Amino acid sequence: MSEVKLFRITGDLRKHGENLHFKKEIRALKKEDALAALYADMGSRHKARKFQIAIKTVEEVPETGERA
């Protein structure tokens, strides 16, 4: 069985000539699924297209430890 993991994704959203920094935590089975969920969420909430989202880091966060 696969285990659901928590991923912290940071990056910039480029809209209207501004770079808006974001940090988002998403639960997914693998990194690719987390990125797909991020693109869908940002597109839905902010009407952002994939080329407007610049991903800086994707890291797996241990769920038992404290989050920063």
Protein backbone atom coordinates (compact mmCIF):
# COMPACT_ATOMS: atom_id res chain seq x y z
CA MET A 1 0.00 0.00 0.00
CA SER A 2 1.10 3.53 -0.69
CA GLU A 3 1.45 6.02 2.08
CA VAL A 4 0.09 9.56 1.82
CA LYS A 5 2.82 12.14 2.41
CA LEU A 6 2.85 15.85 3.12
CA PHE A 7 4.72 18.09 0.65
CA ARG A 8 5.65 21.74 1.20
CA ILE A 9 5.85 23.64 -2.09
CA THR A 10 7.25 27.15 -2.33
CA GLY A 11 7.38 29.41 -5.34
CA ASP A 12 6.22 32.59 -7.01
CA LEU A 13 3.00 33.47 -8.78
CA ARG A 14 3.54 36.05 -11.53
CA LYS A 15 0.35 38.05 -12.08
CA HIS A 16 -0.10 41.62 -13.33
CA GLY A 17 3.64 42.35 -13.28
CA GLU A 18 4.06 41.28 -9.65
CA ASN A 19 5.78 38.26 -8.13
CA LEU A 20 3.67 36.94 -5.25
CA HIS A 21 5.55 34.48 -3.05
CA PHE A 22 3.62 31.46 -1.78
CA LYS A 23 4.16 28.46 0.48
CA LYS A 24 1.60 25.65 0.39
CA GLU A 25 1.36 22.23 2.03
CA ILE A 26 -0.37 19.51 0.04
CA ARG A 27 -1.06 15.87 0.92
CA ALA A 28 -0.34 13.45 -1.94
CA LEU A 29 1.12 10.05 -2.71
CA LYS A 30 4.08 11.38 -4.71
CA LYS A 31 5.73 14.65 -5.71
CA GLU A 32 4.16 14.74 -9.19
CA ASP A 33 0.66 14.39 -7.71
CA ALA A 34 1.35 17.24 -5.27
CA LEU A 35 2.47 19.51 -8.13
CA ALA A 36 -0.63 18.65 -10.18
CA ALA A 37 -2.83 19.49 -7.17
CA LEU A 38 -0.97 22.79 -6.68
CA TYR A 39 -1.46 23.83 -10.32
CA ALA A 40 -5.16 22.94 -10.13
CA ASP A 41 -5.62 24.85 -6.86
CA MET A 42 -3.76 27.97 -8.01
CA GLY A 43 -5.63 27.94 -11.31
CA SER A 44 -8.95 27.64 -9.52
CA ARG A 45 -8.31 30.26 -6.83
CA HIS A 46 -6.24 32.80 -8.76
CA LYS A 47 -6.99 32.06 -12.44
CA ALA A 48 -3.27 31.39 -12.87
CA ARG A 49 -1.91 29.40 -15.76
CA LYS A 50 0.94 26.96 -15.45
CA PHE A 51 3.51 29.29 -17.03
CA GLN A 52 2.68 31.96 -14.40
CA ILE A 53 3.67 29.67 -11.52
CA ALA A 54 7.39 29.31 -10.79
CA ILE A 55 8.15 26.43 -8.41
CA LYS A 56 11.24 26.97 -6.24
CA THR A 57 11.26 23.98 -3.88
CA VAL A 58 9.28 20.82 -3.24
CA GLU A 59 10.12 19.05 0.00
CA GLU A 60 8.57 16.21 1.91
CA VAL A 61 7.58 17.19 5.43
CA PRO A 62 7.48 14.60 8.21
CA GLU A 63 3.93 14.58 9.57
CA THR A 64 4.91 13.62 13.12
CA GLY A 65 7.31 16.54 13.58
CA GLU A 66 6.47 20.19 14.06
CA ARG A 67 5.85 22.35 11.03
CA ALA A 68 7.52 25.69 10.54
